[in-house]
């Protein structure tokens, strides 16, 4: 479906999976567009895909603490997914759950502390921490100051690879050196 309630047919998921993408982040601003049922249907869909790892969309807030690990050529990768905002919040007493940087009832410090804790946990379990973050839409060809701030926080917490999505324009890739 299209504006204002986005939803992709399962054929899109099938094509992504068939191309070899097996780590999927569903933390995004449209995750609540079809309500709890739509989000739950998404979880159920990916659970049926052999070898697929879904991040960013969870059955409960406790499941967020389970950091998925994939080993590729002997290198242990961990994956986390977050979103800057959710257009239509999922009811707080419902499932599933997503990490949003603007979660109702939580301070920015509380949200960032949770993300920092998850990244530190992922760091202790893997060689490479990959964080996928869905940014708010914008038409800018360069990252906004908000995007830069979010990336700086994630990098300072220990993220090794940060994949940004959600903008309406292609933005540049940036490589940074870390002490480790």
N, C-alpha and C. Protein backbone atom coordinates (compact mmCIF):
# COMPACT_ATOMS: atom_id res chain seq x y z
N UNK A 1 0.85 -1.18 0.00
CA UNK A 1 0.00 0.00 0.00
C UNK A 1 0.89 1.23 0.00
N UNK A 2 0.28 2.37 -0.19
CA UNK A 2 1.07 3.59 -0.28
C UNK A 2 0.58 4.61 0.74
N UNK A 3 1.02 5.83 0.56
CA UNK A 3 0.76 6.92 1.50
C UNK A 3 -0.71 6.93 1.93
N UNK A 4 -0.99 7.08 3.21
CA UNK A 4 -0.04 7.32 4.30
C UNK A 4 0.37 6.06 5.06
N UNK A 5 -0.14 4.91 4.69
CA UNK A 5 0.16 3.66 5.40
C UNK A 5 0.91 2.71 4.48
N UNK A 6 2.24 2.70 4.59
CA UNK A 6 3.06 1.90 3.69
C UNK A 6 3.13 0.44 4.11
N UNK A 7 3.16 -0.43 3.13
CA UNK A 7 3.26 -1.86 3.35
C UNK A 7 3.71 -2.50 2.05
N UNK A 8 4.74 -3.33 2.11
CA UNK A 8 5.23 -4.00 0.91
C UNK A 8 4.67 -5.41 0.83
N UNK A 9 4.43 -5.89 -0.39
CA UNK A 9 3.98 -7.27 -0.53
C UNK A 9 5.12 -8.23 -0.19
N UNK A 10 4.77 -9.46 0.18
CA UNK A 10 5.81 -10.44 0.53
C UNK A 10 6.74 -10.72 -0.65
N UNK A 11 6.28 -10.44 -1.88
CA UNK A 11 7.15 -10.64 -3.05
C UNK A 11 8.43 -9.80 -2.94
N UNK A 12 8.35 -8.64 -2.31
CA UNK A 12 9.54 -7.81 -2.12
C UNK A 12 10.49 -8.52 -1.16
N UNK A 13 9.98 -9.02 -0.06
CA UNK A 13 10.80 -9.78 0.88
C UNK A 13 11.41 -11.00 0.23
N UNK A 14 10.63 -11.71 -0.56
CA UNK A 14 11.14 -12.89 -1.27
C UNK A 14 12.30 -12.51 -2.19
N UNK A 15 12.16 -11.41 -2.92
CA UNK A 15 13.21 -10.97 -3.85
C UNK A 15 14.48 -10.59 -3.09
N UNK A 16 14.33 -9.87 -1.99
CA UNK A 16 15.49 -9.48 -1.17
C UNK A 16 16.21 -10.72 -0.67
N UNK A 17 15.44 -11.66 -0.14
CA UNK A 17 16.00 -12.91 0.40
C UNK A 17 16.67 -13.72 -0.72
N UNK A 18 16.01 -13.83 -1.86
CA UNK A 18 16.55 -14.60 -2.99
C UNK A 18 17.84 -13.99 -3.53
N UNK A 19 18.02 -12.68 -3.38
CA UNK A 19 19.26 -12.02 -3.79
C UNK A 19 20.40 -12.29 -2.82
N UNK A 20 20.08 -12.86 -1.65
CA UNK A 20 21.12 -13.21 -0.69
C UNK A 20 21.17 -12.34 0.55
N UNK A 21 20.26 -11.40 0.67
CA UNK A 21 20.21 -10.58 1.88
C UNK A 21 19.53 -11.40 2.98
N UNK A 22 20.26 -11.66 4.05
CA UNK A 22 19.71 -12.51 5.11
C UNK A 22 19.70 -11.83 6.47
N UNK A 23 20.23 -10.63 6.57
CA UNK A 23 20.10 -9.83 7.79
C UNK A 23 19.23 -8.64 7.42
N UNK A 24 18.07 -8.56 8.04
CA UNK A 24 17.07 -7.58 7.66
C UNK A 24 16.74 -6.70 8.86
N UNK A 25 16.84 -5.36 8.68
CA UNK A 25 16.45 -4.42 9.73
C UNK A 25 15.05 -3.89 9.43
N UNK A 26 14.14 -4.10 10.37
CA UNK A 26 12.79 -3.57 10.20
C UNK A 26 12.47 -2.45 11.20
N UNK A 27 13.47 -1.88 11.83
CA UNK A 27 13.26 -0.67 12.63
C UNK A 27 13.21 0.47 11.64
N UNK A 28 12.04 1.02 11.42
CA UNK A 28 11.91 2.13 10.48
C UNK A 28 10.67 2.94 10.83
N UNK A 29 10.56 4.09 10.24
CA UNK A 29 9.48 5.01 10.59
C UNK A 29 8.10 4.49 10.20
N UNK A 30 8.03 3.51 9.29
CA UNK A 30 6.75 2.99 8.83
C UNK A 30 6.34 1.67 9.47
N UNK A 31 7.13 1.19 10.43
CA UNK A 31 6.87 -0.12 11.01
C UNK A 31 5.49 -0.20 11.69
N UNK A 32 4.95 0.93 12.12
CA UNK A 32 3.65 0.93 12.78
C UNK A 32 2.49 1.27 11.86
N UNK A 33 2.76 1.47 10.57
CA UNK A 33 1.70 1.91 9.66
C UNK A 33 0.51 0.96 9.59
N UNK A 34 0.75 -0.32 9.73
CA UNK A 34 -0.34 -1.30 9.70
C UNK A 34 -0.64 -1.85 11.09
N UNK A 35 -0.23 -1.08 12.10
CA UNK A 35 -0.53 -1.44 13.48
C UNK A 35 0.26 -2.64 13.96
N UNK A 36 -0.11 -3.12 15.13
CA UNK A 36 0.57 -4.26 15.73
C UNK A 36 0.48 -5.50 14.86
N UNK A 37 -0.67 -5.70 14.21
CA UNK A 37 -0.85 -6.88 13.37
C UNK A 37 0.13 -6.86 12.21
N UNK A 38 0.28 -5.72 11.56
CA UNK A 38 1.22 -5.62 10.45
C UNK A 38 2.65 -5.89 10.88
N UNK A 39 3.04 -5.35 12.03
CA UNK A 39 4.39 -5.57 12.54
C UNK A 39 4.58 -7.04 12.91
N UNK A 40 3.57 -7.64 13.54
CA UNK A 40 3.66 -9.06 13.89
C UNK A 40 3.72 -9.93 12.64
N UNK A 41 2.96 -9.58 11.63
CA UNK A 41 3.02 -10.32 10.36
C UNK A 41 4.42 -10.27 9.77
N UNK A 42 5.09 -9.13 9.91
CA UNK A 42 6.46 -8.99 9.41
C UNK A 42 7.40 -9.94 10.15
N UNK A 43 7.28 -9.99 11.47
CA UNK A 43 8.10 -10.91 12.26
C UNK A 43 7.84 -12.35 11.82
N UNK A 44 6.57 -12.71 11.71
CA UNK A 44 6.20 -14.07 11.32
C UNK A 44 6.75 -14.44 9.95
N UNK A 45 6.69 -13.49 9.02
CA UNK A 45 7.20 -13.72 7.66
C UNK A 45 8.69 -14.08 7.70
N UNK A 46 9.50 -13.25 8.38
CA UNK A 46 10.94 -13.48 8.38
C UNK A 46 11.34 -14.71 9.19
N UNK A 47 10.55 -15.06 10.20
CA UNK A 47 10.85 -16.27 10.98
C UNK A 47 10.78 -17.52 10.11
N UNK A 48 10.01 -17.48 9.04
CA UNK A 48 9.85 -18.63 8.14
C UNK A 48 10.96 -18.73 7.10
N UNK A 49 11.79 -17.71 6.99
CA UNK A 49 12.87 -17.69 6.01
C UNK A 49 14.12 -18.32 6.62
N UNK A 50 14.49 -19.48 6.13
CA UNK A 50 15.64 -20.21 6.64
C UNK A 50 16.91 -19.38 6.56
N UNK A 51 17.57 -19.19 7.69
CA UNK A 51 18.83 -18.45 7.71
C UNK A 51 18.68 -16.94 7.79
N UNK A 52 17.45 -16.44 7.80
CA UNK A 52 17.26 -14.98 7.89
C UNK A 52 17.37 -14.53 9.34
N UNK A 53 17.95 -13.35 9.52
CA UNK A 53 18.07 -12.74 10.84
C UNK A 53 17.37 -11.39 10.79
N UNK A 54 16.34 -11.26 11.59
CA UNK A 54 15.57 -10.01 11.67
C UNK A 54 16.07 -9.21 12.86
N UNK A 55 16.39 -7.94 12.64
CA UNK A 55 16.77 -7.04 13.72
C UNK A 55 15.87 -5.82 13.67
N UNK A 56 15.79 -5.12 14.79
CA UNK A 56 15.05 -3.86 14.84
C UNK A 56 13.57 -3.99 15.11
N UNK A 57 13.03 -5.18 15.07
CA UNK A 57 11.61 -5.43 15.32
C UNK A 57 11.54 -6.69 16.16
N UNK A 58 10.95 -6.57 17.36
CA UNK A 58 11.05 -7.63 18.34
C UNK A 58 9.70 -7.97 18.94
N UNK A 59 9.56 -9.21 19.40
CA UNK A 59 8.33 -9.67 20.05
C UNK A 59 8.08 -8.91 21.35
N UNK A 60 9.15 -8.52 22.03
CA UNK A 60 9.02 -7.80 23.30
C UNK A 60 10.28 -6.98 23.53
N UNK A 61 10.21 -6.07 24.48
CA UNK A 61 11.38 -5.25 24.78
C UNK A 61 12.51 -6.12 25.33
N UNK A 62 12.19 -7.22 26.00
CA UNK A 62 13.23 -8.12 26.53
C UNK A 62 14.01 -8.80 25.41
N UNK A 63 13.36 -9.05 24.27
CA UNK A 63 14.04 -9.73 23.16
C UNK A 63 15.12 -8.86 22.53
N UNK A 64 15.04 -7.55 22.76
CA UNK A 64 16.07 -6.66 22.24
C UNK A 64 17.42 -7.02 22.82
N UNK A 65 17.43 -7.54 24.02
CA UNK A 65 18.68 -7.89 24.69
C UNK A 65 19.38 -9.07 24.03
N UNK A 66 18.70 -9.80 23.16
CA UNK A 66 19.31 -10.91 22.44
C UNK A 66 19.93 -10.35 21.17
N UNK A 67 21.24 -10.26 21.16
CA UNK A 67 21.97 -9.68 20.04
C UNK A 67 22.31 -10.79 19.05
N UNK A 68 21.79 -10.70 17.81
CA UNK A 68 22.11 -11.74 16.83
C UNK A 68 23.56 -11.66 16.36
N UNK A 69 24.15 -12.84 16.20
CA UNK A 69 25.53 -12.96 15.74
C UNK A 69 25.54 -13.82 14.48
N UNK A 70 26.30 -13.39 13.50
CA UNK A 70 26.52 -14.20 12.29
C UNK A 70 28.04 -14.31 12.12
N UNK A 71 28.51 -15.50 11.80
CA UNK A 71 29.93 -15.72 11.56
C UNK A 71 30.15 -15.87 10.06
N UNK A 72 31.00 -15.01 9.51
CA UNK A 72 31.33 -15.03 8.09
C UNK A 72 32.85 -15.06 7.96
N UNK A 73 33.35 -16.12 7.34
CA UNK A 73 34.80 -16.29 7.16
C UNK A 73 35.54 -16.14 8.49
N UNK A 74 34.96 -16.69 9.55
CA UNK A 74 35.59 -16.68 10.86
C UNK A 74 35.46 -15.37 11.62
N UNK A 75 34.81 -14.38 11.04
CA UNK A 75 34.62 -13.08 11.69
C UNK A 75 33.21 -13.04 12.27
N UNK A 76 33.11 -12.69 13.56
CA UNK A 76 31.82 -12.63 14.25
C UNK A 76 31.22 -11.22 14.12
N UNK A 77 30.07 -11.14 13.47
CA UNK A 77 29.35 -9.89 13.29
C UNK A 77 28.12 -9.89 14.18
N UNK A 78 27.86 -8.78 14.86
CA UNK A 78 26.61 -8.61 15.61
C UNK A 78 25.82 -7.50 14.94
N UNK A 79 24.48 -7.57 15.08
CA UNK A 79 23.60 -6.65 14.37
C UNK A 79 22.57 -6.05 15.30
N UNK A 80 22.40 -4.72 15.18
CA UNK A 80 21.37 -4.00 15.91
C UNK A 80 20.63 -3.09 14.94
N UNK A 81 19.35 -2.86 15.18
CA UNK A 81 18.57 -1.97 14.33
C UNK A 81 17.78 -0.98 15.15
N UNK A 82 17.86 0.30 14.77
CA UNK A 82 17.12 1.35 15.46
C UNK A 82 16.50 2.29 14.42
N UNK A 83 15.56 3.09 14.86
CA UNK A 83 14.96 4.09 13.98
C UNK A 83 14.91 5.43 14.71
N UNK A 84 15.01 6.50 13.95
CA UNK A 84 14.94 7.83 14.56
C UNK A 84 13.54 8.12 15.07
N UNK A 85 12.54 7.74 14.31
CA UNK A 85 11.13 7.97 14.67
C UNK A 85 10.27 6.85 14.13
N UNK A 86 9.06 6.77 14.66
CA UNK A 86 8.03 5.89 14.12
C UNK A 86 6.83 6.77 13.84
N UNK A 87 6.33 6.74 12.58
CA UNK A 87 5.20 7.59 12.21
C UNK A 87 3.96 7.33 13.04
N UNK A 88 3.66 6.08 13.25
CA UNK A 88 2.49 5.68 14.05
C UNK A 88 2.99 4.74 15.12
N UNK A 89 3.04 5.22 16.34
CA UNK A 89 3.55 4.41 17.42
C UNK A 89 2.71 3.16 17.63
N UNK A 90 3.39 2.07 17.86
CA UNK A 90 2.71 0.85 18.26
C UNK A 90 2.27 1.04 19.70
N UNK A 91 1.10 0.57 20.07
CA UNK A 91 0.66 0.73 21.46
C UNK A 91 1.69 0.16 22.42
N UNK A 92 1.95 0.87 23.51
CA UNK A 92 3.01 0.45 24.44
C UNK A 92 2.71 -0.89 25.09
N UNK A 93 1.45 -1.28 25.16
CA UNK A 93 1.11 -2.56 25.78
C UNK A 93 0.98 -3.68 24.75
N UNK A 94 1.37 -3.39 23.52
CA UNK A 94 1.23 -4.40 22.47
C UNK A 94 2.59 -4.89 22.01
N UNK A 95 2.56 -5.94 21.26
CA UNK A 95 3.74 -6.44 20.60
C UNK A 95 3.59 -6.11 19.13
N UNK A 96 4.59 -5.97 18.42
CA UNK A 96 6.01 -6.05 18.73
C UNK A 96 6.60 -4.72 19.19
N UNK A 97 7.91 -4.70 19.32
CA UNK A 97 8.61 -3.57 19.89
C UNK A 97 9.75 -3.15 18.96
N UNK A 98 10.03 -1.86 18.91
CA UNK A 98 11.10 -1.31 18.09
C UNK A 98 11.84 -0.26 18.92
N UNK A 99 13.16 -0.10 18.70
CA UNK A 99 13.91 0.96 19.38
C UNK A 99 13.80 2.22 18.55
N UNK A 100 13.16 3.23 19.10
CA UNK A 100 13.03 4.53 18.45
C UNK A 100 13.76 5.57 19.28
N UNK A 101 14.51 6.44 18.62
CA UNK A 101 15.23 7.49 19.33
C UNK A 101 14.29 8.54 19.92
N UNK A 102 13.03 8.48 19.55
CA UNK A 102 12.03 9.42 20.08
C UNK A 102 10.87 8.66 20.71
N UNK A 103 11.20 7.65 21.49
CA UNK A 103 10.18 6.82 22.13
C UNK A 103 9.42 7.61 23.19
N UNK A 104 8.10 7.56 23.11
CA UNK A 104 7.27 8.24 24.09
C UNK A 104 7.57 7.75 25.50
N UNK A 105 7.61 8.68 26.43
CA UNK A 105 7.81 8.33 27.84
C UNK A 105 9.25 8.08 28.23
N UNK A 106 10.19 8.21 27.30
CA UNK A 106 11.60 7.99 27.61
C UNK A 106 12.39 9.25 27.27
N UNK A 107 13.36 9.53 28.11
CA UNK A 107 14.24 10.66 27.82
C UNK A 107 15.28 10.24 26.78
N UNK A 108 15.88 11.21 26.15
CA UNK A 108 16.94 10.93 25.19
C UNK A 108 18.08 10.17 25.87
N UNK A 109 18.41 10.58 27.09
CA UNK A 109 19.48 9.92 27.83
C UNK A 109 19.14 8.45 28.09
N UNK A 110 17.90 8.16 28.46
CA UNK A 110 17.49 6.76 28.70
C UNK A 110 17.61 5.93 27.43
N UNK A 111 17.17 6.49 26.33
CA UNK A 111 17.22 5.76 25.06
C UNK A 111 18.67 5.51 24.65
N UNK A 112 19.50 6.55 24.71
CA UNK A 112 20.90 6.38 24.31
C UNK A 112 21.64 5.44 25.27
N UNK A 113 21.30 5.47 26.56
CA UNK A 113 21.94 4.54 27.49
C UNK A 113 21.60 3.10 27.15
N UNK A 114 20.36 2.85 26.74
CA UNK A 114 19.96 1.49 26.35
C UNK A 114 20.73 1.07 25.10
N UNK A 115 20.83 1.96 24.12
CA UNK A 115 21.56 1.64 22.89
C UNK A 115 23.03 1.41 23.19
N UNK A 116 23.61 2.25 24.05
CA UNK A 116 25.01 2.09 24.43
C UNK A 116 25.24 0.73 25.08
N UNK A 117 24.33 0.35 25.97
CA UNK A 117 24.42 -0.94 26.65
C UNK A 117 24.36 -2.09 25.64
N UNK A 118 23.47 -1.98 24.66
CA UNK A 118 23.36 -3.02 23.64
C UNK A 118 24.62 -3.10 22.78
N UNK A 119 25.17 -1.96 22.42
CA UNK A 119 26.39 -1.95 21.61
C UNK A 119 27.54 -2.55 22.41
N UNK A 120 27.65 -2.20 23.69
CA UNK A 120 28.71 -2.76 24.53
C UNK A 120 28.55 -4.28 24.65
N UNK A 121 27.32 -4.73 24.80
CA UNK A 121 27.06 -6.17 24.86
C UNK A 121 27.48 -6.83 23.55
N UNK A 122 27.08 -6.23 22.43
CA UNK A 122 27.43 -6.75 21.11
C UNK A 122 28.95 -6.79 20.93
N UNK A 123 29.63 -5.74 21.39
CA UNK A 123 31.10 -5.67 21.29
C UNK A 123 31.76 -6.83 22.02
N UNK A 124 31.19 -7.19 23.18
CA UNK A 124 31.78 -8.27 23.98
C UNK A 124 31.57 -9.64 23.34
N UNK A 125 30.64 -9.74 22.39
CA UNK A 125 30.28 -11.01 21.78
C UNK A 125 30.81 -11.17 20.36
N UNK A 126 31.30 -10.09 19.76
CA UNK A 126 31.63 -10.16 18.34
C UNK A 126 32.87 -9.36 18.00
N UNK A 127 33.31 -9.52 16.76
CA UNK A 127 34.45 -8.78 16.26
C UNK A 127 34.02 -7.45 15.63
N UNK A 128 32.82 -7.44 15.04
CA UNK A 128 32.32 -6.26 14.33
C UNK A 128 30.87 -6.02 14.76
N UNK A 129 30.59 -4.79 15.20
CA UNK A 129 29.23 -4.39 15.58
C UNK A 129 28.65 -3.55 14.45
N UNK A 130 27.55 -4.05 13.88
CA UNK A 130 26.87 -3.36 12.78
C UNK A 130 25.56 -2.80 13.32
N UNK A 131 25.36 -1.50 13.16
CA UNK A 131 24.12 -0.85 13.59
C UNK A 131 23.46 -0.25 12.36
N UNK A 132 22.23 -0.65 12.13
CA UNK A 132 21.44 -0.08 11.04
C UNK A 132 20.48 0.92 11.67
N UNK A 133 20.53 2.16 11.17
CA UNK A 133 19.67 3.21 11.72
C UNK A 133 18.85 3.84 10.61
N UNK A 134 17.55 3.90 10.83
CA UNK A 134 16.63 4.50 9.86
C UNK A 134 16.41 5.95 10.27
N UNK A 135 16.84 6.87 9.41
CA UNK A 135 16.72 8.30 9.69
C UNK A 135 15.38 8.83 9.19
N UNK A 136 15.00 10.00 9.70
CA UNK A 136 13.83 10.69 9.18
C UNK A 136 14.05 11.06 7.72
N UNK A 137 12.97 11.18 7.00
CA UNK A 137 13.05 11.58 5.58
C UNK A 137 13.57 13.00 5.47
N UNK A 138 14.39 13.21 4.48
CA UNK A 138 14.78 14.57 4.08
C UNK A 138 15.29 14.50 2.66
N UNK A 139 15.35 15.63 2.03
CA UNK A 139 15.76 15.70 0.62
C UNK A 139 17.21 16.13 0.46
N UNK A 140 17.94 16.19 1.56
CA UNK A 140 19.31 16.71 1.52
C UNK A 140 20.28 15.65 1.00
N UNK A 141 21.24 16.10 0.19
CA UNK A 141 22.23 15.18 -0.34
C UNK A 141 23.41 15.01 0.62
N UNK A 142 23.42 15.76 1.69
CA UNK A 142 24.43 15.64 2.74
C UNK A 142 23.73 15.33 4.06
N UNK A 143 24.38 14.60 4.95
CA UNK A 143 23.76 14.30 6.25
C UNK A 143 23.42 15.57 7.02
N UNK A 144 22.30 15.55 7.71
CA UNK A 144 21.90 16.68 8.55
C UNK A 144 22.71 16.66 9.84
N UNK A 145 22.66 17.74 10.60
CA UNK A 145 23.37 17.77 11.87
C UNK A 145 22.81 16.72 12.83
N UNK A 146 21.51 16.46 12.77
CA UNK A 146 20.90 15.42 13.62
C UNK A 146 21.45 14.05 13.24
N UNK A 147 21.51 13.76 11.95
CA UNK A 147 22.09 12.48 11.51
C UNK A 147 23.53 12.35 11.99
N UNK A 148 24.30 13.42 11.84
CA UNK A 148 25.70 13.39 12.26
C UNK A 148 25.81 13.14 13.76
N UNK A 149 24.95 13.79 14.54
CA UNK A 149 24.96 13.59 15.99
C UNK A 149 24.67 12.13 16.35
N UNK A 150 23.66 11.55 15.69
CA UNK A 150 23.30 10.16 15.97
C UNK A 150 24.47 9.24 15.63
N UNK A 151 25.06 9.43 14.47
CA UNK A 151 26.20 8.60 14.05
C UNK A 151 27.37 8.78 15.02
N UNK A 152 27.64 10.00 15.44
CA UNK A 152 28.73 10.23 16.39
C UNK A 152 28.50 9.49 17.70
N UNK A 153 27.27 9.52 18.20
CA UNK A 153 26.95 8.77 19.42
C UNK A 153 27.18 7.28 19.20
N UNK A 154 26.63 6.73 18.12
CA UNK A 154 26.76 5.29 17.87
C UNK A 154 28.22 4.89 17.75
N UNK A 155 29.01 5.69 17.06
CA UNK A 155 30.44 5.40 16.92
C UNK A 155 31.15 5.49 18.27
N UNK A 156 30.79 6.49 19.08
CA UNK A 156 31.43 6.64 20.39
C UNK A 156 31.07 5.49 21.33
N UNK A 157 29.91 4.88 21.10
CA UNK A 157 29.49 3.73 21.92
C UNK A 157 30.21 2.45 21.50
N UNK A 158 30.79 2.43 20.29
CA UNK A 158 31.54 1.26 19.85
C UNK A 158 31.07 0.64 18.55
N UNK A 159 30.07 1.20 17.88
CA UNK A 159 29.63 0.66 16.60
C UNK A 159 30.77 0.73 15.59
N UNK A 160 30.98 -0.36 14.86
CA UNK A 160 32.04 -0.41 13.85
C UNK A 160 31.53 -0.03 12.47
N UNK A 161 30.31 -0.46 12.15
CA UNK A 161 29.68 -0.15 10.87
C UNK A 161 28.30 0.42 11.16
N UNK A 162 28.01 1.57 10.59
CA UNK A 162 26.70 2.20 10.77
C UNK A 162 26.09 2.36 9.38
N UNK A 163 24.96 1.72 9.19
CA UNK A 163 24.27 1.77 7.90
C UNK A 163 23.05 2.67 8.08
N UNK A 164 23.02 3.76 7.35
CA UNK A 164 21.90 4.69 7.42
C UNK A 164 20.93 4.46 6.28
N UNK A 165 19.64 4.61 6.58
CA UNK A 165 18.61 4.49 5.56
C UNK A 165 17.49 5.49 5.87
N UNK A 166 16.54 5.59 4.96
CA UNK A 166 15.36 6.41 5.21
C UNK A 166 15.35 7.78 4.58
N UNK A 167 16.52 8.27 4.19
CA UNK A 167 16.52 9.59 3.57
C UNK A 167 15.98 9.48 2.14
N UNK A 168 15.49 10.57 1.61
CA UNK A 168 14.92 10.56 0.26
C UNK A 168 15.94 10.88 -0.81
N UNK A 169 17.17 11.14 -0.41
CA UNK A 169 18.27 11.40 -1.35
C UNK A 169 19.46 10.54 -0.95
N UNK A 170 20.24 10.14 -1.94
CA UNK A 170 21.46 9.39 -1.66
C UNK A 170 22.45 10.32 -0.97
N UNK A 171 23.03 9.84 0.10
CA UNK A 171 24.02 10.62 0.83
C UNK A 171 25.36 9.89 0.79
N UNK A 172 26.46 10.62 1.02
CA UNK A 172 27.78 10.01 0.87
C UNK A 172 28.11 9.01 1.97
N UNK A 173 29.07 8.15 1.66
CA UNK A 173 29.62 7.21 2.62
C UNK A 173 30.80 7.91 3.29
N UNK A 174 30.96 7.66 4.57
CA UNK A 174 32.09 8.24 5.30
C UNK A 174 32.83 7.14 6.00
N UNK A 175 34.15 7.14 5.89
CA UNK A 175 35.00 6.18 6.58
C UNK A 175 35.74 6.92 7.69
N UNK A 176 35.77 6.31 8.87
CA UNK A 176 36.48 6.89 10.00
C UNK A 176 37.42 5.86 10.58
N UNK A 177 38.53 6.32 11.09
CA UNK A 177 39.47 5.44 11.78
C UNK A 177 39.10 5.38 13.25
N UNK A 178 39.15 4.16 13.81
CA UNK A 178 38.95 3.96 15.23
C UNK A 178 40.25 3.48 15.84
N UNK A 179 40.41 3.71 17.12
CA UNK A 179 41.63 3.31 17.81
C UNK A 179 41.88 1.81 17.70
N UNK A 180 40.79 1.03 17.66
CA UNK A 180 40.97 -0.43 17.59
C UNK A 180 40.86 -0.96 16.17
